């Protein structure tokens, strides 16, 4: 699922996307689908927990990872996601 307006990298996450992710996850669960729900666009440490909580299982975060310090950015993203997994 794209959560930005297509065209170029580094765009901001469209806030209404979280509700769409949640609805799509519910639909997949109702039919018993094993499909993974991938979110591509605007994923950052500040919204990763929200996106995963809504039901996403795969996050694409290229701009959030590859700008400046890659190792620190990966660590920040993992820490944000861990909030959901470990409370």
N, C-alpha and C. Protein backbone atom coordinates (compact mmCIF):
# COMPACT_ATOMS: atom_id res chain seq x y z
N UNK A 1 0.85 -1.17 0.00
CA UNK A 1 0.00 0.00 0.00
C UNK A 1 0.90 1.23 0.00
N UNK A 2 0.63 2.13 -0.90
CA UNK A 2 1.38 3.39 -0.92
C UNK A 2 0.71 4.38 0.01
N UNK A 3 1.53 5.06 0.77
CA UNK A 3 1.01 6.01 1.75
C UNK A 3 1.53 7.42 1.51
N UNK A 4 1.93 7.67 0.26
CA UNK A 4 2.32 9.00 -0.20
C UNK A 4 1.75 9.17 -1.60
N UNK A 5 1.84 10.36 -2.12
CA UNK A 5 1.45 10.59 -3.51
C UNK A 5 2.62 10.15 -4.39
N UNK A 6 2.41 9.20 -5.32
CA UNK A 6 3.51 8.68 -6.12
C UNK A 6 4.25 9.77 -6.88
N UNK A 7 5.54 9.57 -7.06
CA UNK A 7 6.30 10.51 -7.85
C UNK A 7 7.76 10.61 -7.47
N UNK A 8 8.06 10.75 -6.19
CA UNK A 8 9.46 10.89 -5.79
C UNK A 8 9.62 10.48 -4.33
N UNK A 9 10.84 10.15 -3.96
CA UNK A 9 11.13 9.71 -2.60
C UNK A 9 11.17 10.85 -1.61
N UNK A 10 11.09 10.49 -0.34
CA UNK A 10 11.22 11.47 0.73
C UNK A 10 9.95 12.22 1.07
N UNK A 11 8.82 11.79 0.55
CA UNK A 11 7.57 12.49 0.83
C UNK A 11 7.06 12.18 2.24
N UNK A 12 6.16 13.01 2.72
CA UNK A 12 5.56 12.81 4.03
C UNK A 12 4.42 11.80 3.94
N UNK A 13 4.25 11.07 5.01
CA UNK A 13 3.18 10.08 5.16
C UNK A 13 1.83 10.79 5.13
N UNK A 14 0.89 10.25 4.37
CA UNK A 14 -0.46 10.81 4.30
C UNK A 14 -1.23 10.28 5.52
N UNK A 15 -1.62 11.14 6.47
CA UNK A 15 -2.22 10.70 7.72
C UNK A 15 -3.44 9.78 7.58
N UNK A 16 -4.27 9.98 6.59
CA UNK A 16 -5.45 9.14 6.40
C UNK A 16 -5.11 7.70 6.03
N UNK A 17 -3.85 7.44 5.74
CA UNK A 17 -3.43 6.10 5.35
C UNK A 17 -3.56 5.09 6.49
N UNK A 18 -3.40 5.53 7.71
CA UNK A 18 -3.47 4.60 8.85
C UNK A 18 -4.83 3.93 8.92
N UNK A 19 -5.89 4.67 8.71
CA UNK A 19 -7.24 4.09 8.72
C UNK A 19 -7.39 3.09 7.57
N UNK A 20 -6.82 3.40 6.42
CA UNK A 20 -6.88 2.48 5.27
C UNK A 20 -6.14 1.18 5.56
N UNK A 21 -4.98 1.31 6.20
CA UNK A 21 -4.20 0.12 6.57
C UNK A 21 -5.02 -0.75 7.52
N UNK A 22 -5.62 -0.12 8.51
CA UNK A 22 -6.43 -0.85 9.50
C UNK A 22 -7.59 -1.58 8.82
N UNK A 23 -8.30 -0.90 7.91
CA UNK A 23 -9.42 -1.52 7.21
C UNK A 23 -8.96 -2.69 6.34
N UNK A 24 -7.86 -2.50 5.64
CA UNK A 24 -7.35 -3.56 4.79
C UNK A 24 -6.91 -4.77 5.62
N UNK A 25 -6.26 -4.53 6.75
CA UNK A 25 -5.87 -5.63 7.63
C UNK A 25 -7.09 -6.39 8.11
N UNK A 26 -8.16 -5.67 8.47
CA UNK A 26 -9.40 -6.32 8.91
C UNK A 26 -9.99 -7.17 7.80
N UNK A 27 -9.99 -6.65 6.58
CA UNK A 27 -10.52 -7.42 5.46
C UNK A 27 -9.70 -8.69 5.22
N UNK A 28 -8.39 -8.58 5.28
CA UNK A 28 -7.54 -9.75 5.10
C UNK A 28 -7.78 -10.78 6.21
N UNK A 29 -7.95 -10.29 7.43
CA UNK A 29 -8.19 -11.20 8.55
C UNK A 29 -9.54 -11.91 8.42
N UNK A 30 -10.56 -11.19 7.96
CA UNK A 30 -11.90 -11.77 7.81
C UNK A 30 -11.89 -12.94 6.83
N UNK A 31 -11.13 -12.81 5.75
CA UNK A 31 -11.11 -13.89 4.76
C UNK A 31 -10.02 -14.92 5.07
N UNK A 32 -9.29 -14.70 6.15
CA UNK A 32 -8.25 -15.65 6.55
C UNK A 32 -7.04 -15.64 5.64
N UNK A 33 -6.76 -14.52 5.03
CA UNK A 33 -5.64 -14.42 4.10
C UNK A 33 -4.30 -14.37 4.84
N UNK A 34 -3.32 -15.13 4.35
CA UNK A 34 -1.98 -15.06 4.94
C UNK A 34 -1.13 -13.93 4.33
N UNK A 35 -1.75 -13.10 3.49
CA UNK A 35 -1.03 -12.05 2.78
C UNK A 35 -0.35 -11.09 3.77
N UNK A 36 0.85 -10.69 3.39
CA UNK A 36 1.57 -9.68 4.16
C UNK A 36 1.12 -8.31 3.66
N UNK A 37 0.99 -7.37 4.56
CA UNK A 37 0.55 -6.03 4.20
C UNK A 37 1.76 -5.10 4.24
N UNK A 38 2.20 -4.68 3.06
CA UNK A 38 3.39 -3.84 2.92
C UNK A 38 3.02 -2.38 2.77
N UNK A 39 3.71 -1.53 3.51
CA UNK A 39 3.49 -0.09 3.43
C UNK A 39 4.76 0.55 2.90
N UNK A 40 4.60 1.33 1.83
CA UNK A 40 5.73 1.96 1.16
C UNK A 40 5.43 3.45 1.01
N UNK A 41 6.14 4.26 1.76
CA UNK A 41 6.00 5.70 1.61
C UNK A 41 5.83 6.42 2.92
N UNK A 42 6.77 7.29 3.24
CA UNK A 42 6.68 8.12 4.42
C UNK A 42 6.91 7.40 5.73
N UNK A 43 7.40 6.17 5.68
CA UNK A 43 7.64 5.40 6.90
C UNK A 43 8.89 5.95 7.58
N UNK A 44 8.74 6.31 8.87
CA UNK A 44 9.84 6.86 9.65
C UNK A 44 9.71 6.36 11.08
N UNK A 45 10.73 6.51 11.89
CA UNK A 45 10.62 6.08 13.28
C UNK A 45 9.44 6.72 14.01
N UNK A 46 9.09 7.94 13.65
CA UNK A 46 7.99 8.63 14.32
C UNK A 46 6.61 8.08 14.02
N UNK A 47 6.46 7.30 12.95
CA UNK A 47 5.13 6.76 12.63
C UNK A 47 5.13 5.24 12.45
N UNK A 48 6.28 4.60 12.58
CA UNK A 48 6.38 3.16 12.36
C UNK A 48 5.50 2.37 13.31
N UNK A 49 5.48 2.73 14.58
CA UNK A 49 4.64 2.01 15.55
C UNK A 49 3.17 2.13 15.18
N UNK A 50 2.74 3.30 14.78
CA UNK A 50 1.35 3.52 14.36
C UNK A 50 0.99 2.64 13.17
N UNK A 51 1.90 2.55 12.21
CA UNK A 51 1.66 1.78 10.99
C UNK A 51 1.59 0.28 11.31
N UNK A 52 2.50 -0.19 12.14
CA UNK A 52 2.49 -1.61 12.52
C UNK A 52 1.26 -1.93 13.37
N UNK A 53 0.90 -1.05 14.27
CA UNK A 53 -0.29 -1.25 15.10
C UNK A 53 -1.54 -1.34 14.23
N UNK A 54 -1.57 -0.59 13.15
CA UNK A 54 -2.72 -0.61 12.24
C UNK A 54 -2.80 -1.93 11.46
N UNK A 55 -1.69 -2.67 11.38
CA UNK A 55 -1.74 -3.97 10.72
C UNK A 55 -0.70 -4.25 9.66
N UNK A 56 0.19 -3.31 9.40
CA UNK A 56 1.23 -3.55 8.40
C UNK A 56 2.22 -4.59 8.92
N UNK A 57 2.71 -5.43 8.02
CA UNK A 57 3.69 -6.45 8.40
C UNK A 57 5.02 -6.25 7.70
N UNK A 58 5.07 -5.40 6.68
CA UNK A 58 6.30 -5.09 5.97
C UNK A 58 6.36 -3.58 5.79
N UNK A 59 7.48 -2.97 6.18
CA UNK A 59 7.65 -1.53 6.03
C UNK A 59 8.79 -1.25 5.07
N UNK A 60 8.56 -0.32 4.14
CA UNK A 60 9.60 0.14 3.22
C UNK A 60 9.95 1.55 3.65
N UNK A 61 11.20 1.74 4.05
CA UNK A 61 11.59 3.03 4.63
C UNK A 61 12.92 3.50 4.05
N UNK A 62 13.01 3.60 2.76
CA UNK A 62 14.31 3.91 2.14
C UNK A 62 14.84 5.29 2.53
N UNK A 63 14.06 6.33 2.39
CA UNK A 63 14.55 7.68 2.72
C UNK A 63 14.88 7.80 4.20
N UNK A 64 14.07 7.17 5.04
CA UNK A 64 14.31 7.23 6.49
C UNK A 64 15.57 6.47 6.88
N UNK A 65 15.98 5.53 6.08
CA UNK A 65 17.17 4.72 6.37
C UNK A 65 18.43 5.35 5.77
N UNK A 66 18.38 5.73 4.50
CA UNK A 66 19.60 6.08 3.78
C UNK A 66 20.02 7.53 3.85
N UNK A 67 19.32 8.35 4.58
CA UNK A 67 19.78 9.73 4.79
C UNK A 67 20.66 9.76 6.03
N UNK A 68 21.83 10.27 5.89
CA UNK A 68 22.81 10.43 6.96
C UNK A 68 23.33 9.11 7.51
N UNK A 69 23.15 8.85 8.79
CA UNK A 69 23.75 7.70 9.49
C UNK A 69 22.84 6.47 9.38
N UNK A 70 23.16 5.58 8.44
CA UNK A 70 22.32 4.42 8.16
C UNK A 70 22.14 3.54 9.39
N UNK A 71 23.21 3.24 10.10
CA UNK A 71 23.13 2.36 11.28
C UNK A 71 22.22 2.97 12.35
N UNK A 72 22.37 4.26 12.61
CA UNK A 72 21.53 4.92 13.61
C UNK A 72 20.07 4.96 13.17
N UNK A 73 19.84 5.16 11.87
CA UNK A 73 18.48 5.20 11.36
C UNK A 73 17.80 3.84 11.46
N UNK A 74 18.53 2.78 11.15
CA UNK A 74 17.98 1.42 11.28
C UNK A 74 17.65 1.14 12.74
N UNK A 75 18.55 1.52 13.63
CA UNK A 75 18.33 1.30 15.06
C UNK A 75 17.09 2.06 15.54
N UNK A 76 16.91 3.29 15.10
CA UNK A 76 15.75 4.08 15.50
C UNK A 76 14.45 3.46 14.99
N UNK A 77 14.47 2.97 13.77
CA UNK A 77 13.28 2.34 13.20
C UNK A 77 12.95 1.04 13.95
N UNK A 78 13.96 0.25 14.22
CA UNK A 78 13.74 -0.99 14.96
C UNK A 78 13.22 -0.71 16.37
N UNK A 79 13.74 0.31 17.02
CA UNK A 79 13.28 0.67 18.36
C UNK A 79 11.82 1.09 18.34
N UNK A 80 11.43 1.84 17.32
CA UNK A 80 10.03 2.27 17.20
C UNK A 80 9.10 1.08 17.01
N UNK A 81 9.52 0.13 16.20
CA UNK A 81 8.70 -1.06 15.94
C UNK A 81 8.66 -1.96 17.18
N UNK A 82 9.76 -2.01 17.92
CA UNK A 82 9.82 -2.83 19.13
C UNK A 82 8.80 -2.38 20.17
N UNK A 83 8.45 -1.11 20.16
CA UNK A 83 7.42 -0.60 21.09
C UNK A 83 6.13 -1.35 20.92
N UNK A 84 5.80 -1.69 19.70
CA UNK A 84 4.57 -2.42 19.40
C UNK A 84 4.73 -3.89 19.80
N UNK A 85 5.85 -4.46 19.43
CA UNK A 85 6.07 -5.89 19.68
C UNK A 85 6.24 -6.21 21.15
N UNK A 86 6.86 -5.32 21.89
CA UNK A 86 7.17 -5.62 23.28
C UNK A 86 6.45 -4.73 24.28
N UNK A 87 5.61 -3.83 23.78
CA UNK A 87 4.82 -2.97 24.66
C UNK A 87 5.65 -1.94 25.28
